């Protein structure tokens, strides 16, 4: 019997508002781009180097898509938990395959905003206290419910 664990967790800022698209099947899909930052000291120069990694996040869950459409705005600090999925495709006229790895938000996955929406403090700046103002959203949780803590 095979056993494995496929789980991805990131905390970062949204690079743009969530994009919601309609599918030919009648469903919808939400796409988000989340940036995570890290820094290190270059051993040769002794200078600090900042690096940004971009992560694509995708959801096909209607309740989660509704919540993301309302709250997933550029610059928001967000915690995302899902599973990694790599897609392969070939563009017309090309001989080589293309690949895209993304975080798929499946039932049991989670999206939680870790700051207040811009404008809630009166000056448009995100909250600095790190408190969540929207509920953690999963495929099975009502996105309009309150956080229990």
C-alpha atoms as a PDB file:
ATOM      1  CA  UNK A   1       0.000   0.000   0.000  1.00  0.00           C
ATOM      2  CA  UNK A   2       1.348   3.414  -0.956  1.00  0.00           C
ATOM      3  CA  UNK A   3       1.435   6.236   1.546  1.00  0.00           C
ATOM      4  CA  UNK A   4       2.263   9.873   1.068  1.00  0.00           C
ATOM      5  CA  UNK A   5       1.588  13.375   2.254  1.00  0.00           C
ATOM      6  CA  UNK A   6       0.905  16.237  -0.122  1.00  0.00           C
ATOM      7  CA  UNK A   7       0.417  19.439   1.836  1.00  0.00           C
ATOM      8  CA  UNK A   8       1.592  22.993   1.186  1.00  0.00           C
ATOM      9  CA  UNK A   9       1.367  25.888   3.634  1.00  0.00           C
ATOM     10  CA  UNK A  10       2.414  29.445   2.832  1.00  0.00           C
ATOM     11  CA  UNK A  11       2.027  32.905   4.317  1.00  0.00           C
ATOM     12  CA  UNK A  12       2.455  35.802   1.953  1.00  0.00           C
ATOM     13  CA  UNK A  13       0.903  38.783   0.250  1.00  0.00           C
ATOM     14  CA  UNK A  14      -1.494  38.693  -2.687  1.00  0.00           C
ATOM     15  CA  UNK A  15       0.133  40.100  -5.814  1.00  0.00           C
ATOM     16  CA  UNK A  16      -3.237  41.022  -7.339  1.00  0.00           C
ATOM     17  CA  UNK A  17      -6.939  40.660  -6.655  1.00  0.00           C
ATOM     18  CA  UNK A  18      -8.155  37.071  -7.001  1.00  0.00           C
ATOM     19  CA  UNK A  19      -9.203  36.310 -10.570  1.00  0.00           C
ATOM     20  CA  UNK A  20     -12.543  34.534 -10.924  1.00  0.00           C
ATOM     21  CA  UNK A  21     -13.299  32.826 -14.252  1.00  0.00           C
ATOM     22  CA  UNK A  22     -16.284  30.904 -15.581  1.00  0.00           C
ATOM     23  CA  UNK A  23     -15.664  27.411 -16.934  1.00  0.00           C
ATOM     24  CA  UNK A  24     -17.291  25.868 -19.998  1.00  0.00           C
ATOM     25  CA  UNK A  25     -18.786  23.260 -17.646  1.00  0.00           C
ATOM     26  CA  UNK A  26     -20.728  25.978 -15.837  1.00  0.00           C
ATOM     27  CA  UNK A  27     -18.513  26.050 -12.742  1.00  0.00           C
ATOM     28  CA  UNK A  28     -16.081  28.736 -11.662  1.00  0.00           C
ATOM     29  CA  UNK A  29     -12.397  28.838 -10.775  1.00  0.00           C
ATOM     30  CA  UNK A  30     -10.477  31.282  -8.569  1.00  0.00           C
ATOM     31  CA  UNK A  31      -6.790  31.988  -9.156  1.00  0.00           C
ATOM     32  CA  UNK A  32      -4.510  33.857  -6.763  1.00  0.00           C
ATOM     33  CA  UNK A  33      -0.855  34.778  -6.877  1.00  0.00           C
ATOM     34  CA  UNK A  34       0.844  34.858  -3.458  1.00  0.00           C
ATOM     35  CA  UNK A  35       4.351  36.234  -2.860  1.00  0.00           C
ATOM     36  CA  UNK A  36       6.589  34.911  -0.101  1.00  0.00           C
ATOM     37  CA  UNK A  37       9.820  36.693   0.799  1.00  0.00           C
ATOM     38  CA  UNK A  38      13.063  35.491   2.285  1.00  0.00           C
ATOM     39  CA  UNK A  39      16.467  37.034   2.786  1.00  0.00           C
ATOM     40  CA  UNK A  40      19.988  35.812   3.388  1.00  0.00           C
ATOM     41  CA  UNK A  41      23.521  37.164   3.621  1.00  0.00           C
ATOM     42  CA  UNK A  42      25.636  36.551   0.526  1.00  0.00           C
ATOM     43  CA  UNK A  43      28.845  34.835   1.723  1.00  0.00           C
ATOM     44  CA  UNK A  44      31.011  36.454  -0.957  1.00  0.00           C
ATOM     45  CA  UNK A  45      29.815  40.053  -0.660  1.00  0.00           C
ATOM     46  CA  UNK A  46      28.467  40.062   2.894  1.00  0.00           C
ATOM     47  CA  UNK A  47      25.376  41.900   1.658  1.00  0.00           C
ATOM     48  CA  UNK A  48      21.806  41.040   2.418  1.00  0.00           C
ATOM     49  CA  UNK A  49      19.925  39.527  -0.525  1.00  0.00           C
ATOM     50  CA  UNK A  50      16.123  39.618  -0.653  1.00  0.00           C
ATOM     51  CA  UNK A  51      14.289  37.041  -2.730  1.00  0.00           C
ATOM     52  CA  UNK A  52      10.604  36.763  -3.630  1.00  0.00           C
ATOM     53  CA  UNK A  53       8.960  33.498  -4.640  1.00  0.00           C
ATOM     54  CA  UNK A  54       5.557  33.555  -6.366  1.00  0.00           C
ATOM     55  CA  UNK A  55       2.983  30.823  -5.756  1.00  0.00           C
ATOM     56  CA  UNK A  56      -0.101  30.160  -7.858  1.00  0.00           C
ATOM     57  CA  UNK A  57      -3.171  29.099  -5.859  1.00  0.00           C
ATOM     58  CA  UNK A  58      -6.324  27.624  -7.435  1.00  0.00           C
ATOM     59  CA  UNK A  59      -9.791  26.742  -6.115  1.00  0.00           C
ATOM     60  CA  UNK A  60     -12.850  25.194  -7.762  1.00  0.00           C
ATOM     61  CA  UNK A  61     -14.996  25.305  -4.573  1.00  0.00           C
ATOM     62  CA  UNK A  62     -17.971  27.634  -4.971  1.00  0.00           C
ATOM     63  CA  UNK A  63     -18.199  28.824  -1.330  1.00  0.00           C
ATOM     64  CA  UNK A  64     -14.492  29.532  -1.171  1.00  0.00           C
ATOM     65  CA  UNK A  65     -14.603  31.294  -4.549  1.00  0.00           C
ATOM     66  CA  UNK A  66     -17.392  33.576  -3.263  1.00  0.00           C
ATOM     67  CA  UNK A  67     -15.303  34.491  -0.203  1.00  0.00           C
ATOM     68  CA  UNK A  68     -12.163  35.093  -2.297  1.00  0.00           C
ATOM     69  CA  UNK A  69     -14.102  37.266  -4.727  1.00  0.00           C
ATOM     70  CA  UNK A  70     -15.093  39.536  -1.817  1.00  0.00           C
ATOM     71  CA  UNK A  71     -11.931  39.581   0.272  1.00  0.00           C
ATOM     72  CA  UNK A  72      -8.850  38.469  -1.746  1.00  0.00           C
ATOM     73  CA  UNK A  73      -7.479  41.885  -2.739  1.00  0.00           C
ATOM     74  CA  UNK A  74      -3.980  42.900  -3.773  1.00  0.00           C
ATOM     75  CA  UNK A  75      -1.582  43.355  -0.851  1.00  0.00           C
ATOM     76  CA  UNK A  76      -3.576  41.334   1.718  1.00  0.00           C
ATOM     77  CA  UNK A  77      -1.554  39.078   4.005  1.00  0.00           C
ATOM     78  CA  UNK A  78      -2.894  35.549   3.634  1.00  0.00           C
ATOM     79  CA  UNK A  79      -2.294  32.037   4.966  1.00  0.00           C
ATOM     80  CA  UNK A  80      -2.976  29.340   2.364  1.00  0.00           C
ATOM     81  CA  UNK A  81      -3.055  25.590   2.967  1.00  0.00           C
ATOM     82  CA  UNK A  82      -3.680  23.091   0.187  1.00  0.00           C
ATOM     83  CA  UNK A  83      -1.960  20.447  -1.864  1.00  0.00           C
ATOM     84  CA  UNK A  84       0.614  20.766  -4.633  1.00  0.00           C
ATOM     85  CA  UNK A  85      -0.489  19.905  -8.135  1.00  0.00           C
ATOM     86  CA  UNK A  86       1.599  20.030 -11.303  1.00  0.00           C
ATOM     87  CA  UNK A  87      -0.136  20.421 -14.641  1.00  0.00           C
ATOM     88  CA  UNK A  88       1.449  19.596 -17.988  1.00  0.00           C
ATOM     89  CA  UNK A  89       0.376  21.013 -21.324  1.00  0.00           C
ATOM     90  CA  UNK A  90       1.710  21.733 -24.764  1.00  0.00           C
ATOM     91  CA  UNK A  91       1.163  24.997 -26.591  1.00  0.00           C
ATOM     92  CA  UNK A  92       0.057  24.779 -30.222  1.00  0.00           C
ATOM     93  CA  UNK A  93       3.043  24.806 -32.554  1.00  0.00           C
ATOM     94  CA  UNK A  94       5.587  23.913 -29.855  1.00  0.00           C
ATOM     95  CA  UNK A  95       7.427  20.626 -29.514  1.00  0.00           C
ATOM     96  CA  UNK A  96       8.110  20.731 -25.780  1.00  0.00           C
ATOM     97  CA  UNK A  97       5.810  20.346 -22.792  1.00  0.00           C
ATOM     98  CA  UNK A  98       5.155  23.143 -20.328  1.00  0.00           C
ATOM     99  CA  UNK A  99       4.607  22.616 -16.606  1.00  0.00           C
ATOM    100  CA  UNK A 100       2.918  24.632 -13.885  1.00  0.00           C
ATOM    101  CA  UNK A 101       2.948  23.771 -10.191  1.00  0.00           C
ATOM    102  CA  UNK A 102       0.240  25.341  -8.053  1.00  0.00           C
ATOM    103  CA  UNK A 103      -1.373  25.033  -4.657  1.00  0.00           C
ATOM    104  CA  UNK A 104      -4.786  23.458  -5.135  1.00  0.00           C
ATOM    105  CA  UNK A 105      -7.335  24.430  -2.475  1.00  0.00           C
ATOM    106  CA  UNK A 106      -9.245  21.209  -1.922  1.00  0.00           C
ATOM    107  CA  UNK A 107     -11.881  20.384   0.719  1.00  0.00           C
ATOM    108  CA  UNK A 108     -10.004  20.510   4.007  1.00  0.00           C
ATOM    109  CA  UNK A 109      -7.653  23.179   2.638  1.00  0.00           C
ATOM    110  CA  UNK A 110      -7.684  26.640   4.155  1.00  0.00           C
ATOM    111  CA  UNK A 111      -7.442  30.327   3.358  1.00  0.00           C
ATOM    112  CA  UNK A 112      -7.157  32.799   6.224  1.00  0.00           C
ATOM    113  CA  UNK A 113      -6.542  36.529   6.021  1.00  0.00           C
ATOM    114  CA  UNK A 114      -4.020  37.697   8.595  1.00  0.00           C
ATOM    115  CA  UNK A 115      -4.643  41.429   8.308  1.00  0.00           C
ATOM    116  CA  UNK A 116      -7.516  43.850   8.031  1.00  0.00           C
ATOM    117  CA  UNK A 117      -8.744  44.996   4.620  1.00  0.00           C
ATOM    118  CA  UNK A 118      -7.269  48.292   3.427  1.00  0.00           C
ATOM    119  CA  UNK A 119      -9.386  51.175   4.672  1.00  0.00           C
ATOM    120  CA  UNK A 120     -10.385  49.551   7.998  1.00  0.00           C
ATOM    121  CA  UNK A 121      -7.886  51.669   9.964  1.00  0.00           C
ATOM    122  CA  UNK A 122      -9.006  54.892   8.342  1.00  0.00           C
ATOM    123  CA  UNK A 123      -5.699  55.522   6.548  1.00  0.00           C
ATOM    124  CA  UNK A 124      -5.807  52.570   4.142  1.00  0.00           C
ATOM    125  CA  UNK A 125      -2.850  50.839   5.770  1.00  0.00           C
ATOM    126  CA  UNK A 126      -3.070  47.163   6.693  1.00  0.00           C
ATOM    127  CA  UNK A 127      -3.380  46.373  10.385  1.00  0.00           C
ATOM    128  CA  UNK A 128      -0.116  45.700  12.139  1.00  0.00           C
ATOM    129  CA  UNK A 129      -1.525  43.555  14.943  1.00  0.00           C
ATOM    130  CA  UNK A 130      -1.706  40.414  12.780  1.00  0.00           C
ATOM    131  CA  UNK A 131      -5.280  39.700  13.862  1.00  0.00           C
ATOM    132  CA  UNK A 132      -7.565  37.964  11.401  1.00  0.00           C
ATOM    133  CA  UNK A 133     -10.786  39.736  10.563  1.00  0.00           C
ATOM    134  CA  UNK A 134     -12.351  37.259   8.174  1.00  0.00           C
ATOM    135  CA  UNK A 135     -12.992  33.620   8.991  1.00  0.00           C
ATOM    136  CA  UNK A 136     -10.676  30.883   7.934  1.00  0.00           C
ATOM    137  CA  UNK A 137     -12.316  29.463   4.833  1.00  0.00           C
ATOM    138  CA  UNK A 138     -12.313  25.808   3.957  1.00  0.00           C
ATOM    139  CA  UNK A 139     -14.343  23.811   1.499  1.00  0.00           C
ATOM    140  CA  UNK A 140     -16.703  22.805   4.309  1.00  0.00           C
ATOM    141  CA  UNK A 141     -16.929  26.003   6.378  1.00  0.00           C
ATOM    142  CA  UNK A 142     -19.417  28.824   5.841  1.00  0.00           C
ATOM    143  CA  UNK A 143     -17.200  31.795   4.855  1.00  0.00           C
ATOM    144  CA  UNK A 144     -19.518  34.184   6.727  1.00  0.00           C
ATOM    145  CA  UNK A 145     -19.080  32.435  10.086  1.00  0.00           C
ATOM    146  CA  UNK A 146     -16.999  33.991  12.867  1.00  0.00           C
ATOM    147  CA  UNK A 147     -13.620  32.943  14.158  1.00  0.00           C
ATOM    148  CA  UNK A 148     -13.954  31.098  17.493  1.00  0.00           C
ATOM    149  CA  UNK A 149     -11.017  32.867  19.172  1.00  0.00           C
END
